[in-house]
Structures are given as C-alpha cells and as structure tokens.
C-alpha atoms as a PDB file:
ATOM      1  CA  UNK A   1      92.297  61.060 138.023  1.00  0.00           C
ATOM      2  CA  UNK A   2      90.619  64.458 138.040  1.00  0.00           C
ATOM      3  CA  UNK A   3      90.930  64.496 134.251  1.00  0.00           C
ATOM      4  CA  UNK A   4      88.439  61.628 133.944  1.00  0.00           C
ATOM      5  CA  UNK A   5      86.016  62.039 136.828  1.00  0.00           C
ATOM      6  CA  UNK A   6      84.278  65.153 138.074  1.00  0.00           C
ATOM      7  CA  UNK A   7      82.170  65.527 141.202  1.00  0.00           C
ATOM      8  CA  UNK A   8      78.750  67.020 140.659  1.00  0.00           C
ATOM      9  CA  UNK A   9      77.896  70.155 142.589  1.00  0.00           C
ATOM     10  CA  UNK A  10      76.458  69.279 145.990  1.00  0.00           C
ATOM     11  CA  UNK A  11      77.817  65.696 145.955  1.00  0.00           C
ATOM     12  CA  UNK A  12      81.219  66.460 147.490  1.00  0.00           C
ATOM     13  CA  UNK A  13      80.445  64.921 150.903  1.00  0.00           C
ATOM     14  CA  UNK A  14      79.011  61.746 149.387  1.00  0.00           C
ATOM     15  CA  UNK A  15      82.010  61.399 147.057  1.00  0.00           C
ATOM     16  CA  UNK A  16      84.382  61.852 149.999  1.00  0.00           C
ATOM     17  CA  UNK A  17      82.625  59.097 151.976  1.00  0.00           C
ATOM     18  CA  UNK A  18      82.763  56.694 149.026  1.00  0.00           C
ATOM     19  CA  UNK A  19      86.446  57.439 148.407  1.00  0.00           C
ATOM     20  CA  UNK A  20      87.284  57.016 152.102  1.00  0.00           C
ATOM     21  CA  UNK A  21      85.514  53.637 152.302  1.00  0.00           C
ATOM     22  CA  UNK A  22      87.205  52.469 149.104  1.00  0.00           C
ATOM     23  CA  UNK A  23      90.665  53.500 150.307  1.00  0.00           C
ATOM     24  CA  UNK A  24      90.143  51.819 153.673  1.00  0.00           C
ATOM     25  CA  UNK A  25      89.135  48.564 151.971  1.00  0.00           C
ATOM     26  CA  UNK A  26      92.093  48.712 149.566  1.00  0.00           C
ATOM     27  CA  UNK A  27      94.648  49.346 152.326  1.00  0.00           C
ATOM     28  CA  UNK A  28      93.280  46.409 154.318  1.00  0.00           C
ATOM     29  CA  UNK A  29      93.531  44.220 151.232  1.00  0.00           C
ATOM     30  CA  UNK A  30      97.072  45.474 150.590  1.00  0.00           C
ATOM     31  CA  UNK A  31      98.202  44.377 154.065  1.00  0.00           C
ATOM     32  CA  UNK A  32      96.571  40.956 153.623  1.00  0.00           C
ATOM     33  CA  UNK A  33      98.120  40.369 150.197  1.00  0.00           C
ATOM     34  CA  UNK A  34     101.584  41.503 151.314  1.00  0.00           C
ATOM     35  CA  UNK A  35     101.411  39.055 154.240  1.00  0.00           C
ATOM     36  CA  UNK A  36     100.626  36.207 151.843  1.00  0.00           C
ATOM     37  CA  UNK A  37     103.415  37.284 149.511  1.00  0.00           C
ATOM     38  CA  UNK A  38     105.870  37.342 152.420  1.00  0.00           C
ATOM     39  CA  UNK A  39     104.983  33.718 153.196  1.00  0.00           C
ATOM     40  CA  UNK A  40     105.427  32.698 149.567  1.00  0.00           C
ATOM     41  CA  UNK A  41     108.748  34.552 149.249  1.00  0.00           C
ATOM     42  CA  UNK A  42     110.110  33.127 152.502  1.00  0.00           C
ATOM     43  CA  UNK A  43     109.338  29.571 151.429  1.00  0.00           C
ATOM     44  CA  UNK A  44     110.868  30.102 148.001  1.00  0.00           C
ATOM     45  CA  UNK A  45     114.048  31.766 149.229  1.00  0.00           C
ATOM     46  CA  UNK A  46     114.889  29.961 152.458  1.00  0.00           C
ATOM     47  CA  UNK A  47     113.016  26.647 152.348  1.00  0.00           C
ATOM     48  CA  UNK A  48     113.431  26.195 148.572  1.00  0.00           C
ATOM     49  CA  UNK A  49     109.878  25.072 148.016  1.00  0.00           C
ATOM     50  CA  UNK A  50     106.926  26.370 146.102  1.00  0.00           C
ATOM     51  CA  UNK A  51     103.820  27.454 148.021  1.00  0.00           C
ATOM     52  CA  UNK A  52     100.516  28.621 146.570  1.00  0.00           C
ATOM     53  CA  UNK A  53      98.166  31.138 148.162  1.00  0.00           C
ATOM     54  CA  UNK A  54      95.936  28.476 149.726  1.00  0.00           C
ATOM     55  CA  UNK A  55      98.903  27.009 151.597  1.00  0.00           C
ATOM     56  CA  UNK A  56     100.284  30.440 152.484  1.00  0.00           C
ATOM     57  CA  UNK A  57      97.011  31.385 154.181  1.00  0.00           C
ATOM     58  CA  UNK A  58      97.501  28.584 156.707  1.00  0.00           C
ATOM     59  CA  UNK A  59     101.080  29.550 157.603  1.00  0.00           C
ATOM     60  CA  UNK A  60     102.448  31.819 160.281  1.00  0.00           C
ATOM     61  CA  UNK A  61     105.890  33.391 160.351  1.00  0.00           C
ATOM     62  CA  UNK A  62     107.829  34.783 163.275  1.00  0.00           C
ATOM     63  CA  UNK A  63     108.950  38.399 163.387  1.00  0.00           C
ATOM     64  CA  UNK A  64     112.497  37.418 162.430  1.00  0.00           C
ATOM     65  CA  UNK A  65     111.241  35.448 159.429  1.00  0.00           C
ATOM     66  CA  UNK A  66     109.254  38.441 158.165  1.00  0.00           C
ATOM     67  CA  UNK A  67     112.318  40.663 158.402  1.00  0.00           C
END
C-alpha cells in the first residue's frame, strides 16, 4: 500500500485518525457480514433451505448452532 499512497509532511496525525476510523468501521462490518453468512450457511447445511440476506437478518442462532 505504501507503494501507491504517500503521506504529506505534517499530515501524519490526520492520516492516522482517518485510517483508524476506516479500520474500525470495516471490522464492525466484517463481524456483521460474518454473522449473516453464518445464518445462511447453517440454513443451507442443516435445514437444507435457501435463505437470502433479508431473511438472515431476522434470524437468531444459538451458540451451539454457530459452532
């Protein structure tokens, strides 16, 4: 990544804050998307039915089902 983007002199702190906020948002999104994918995978593998993301958002799984 450093090959493509360079930080201007004096902008290091601002760049760090932007990168931190971006990473925090992406990690949160990663957890949300993996939860949805776990619901979809569980339904496909164990219940033998197809579920889209809209349906998966309304579902809850137990700890044992996630594992």
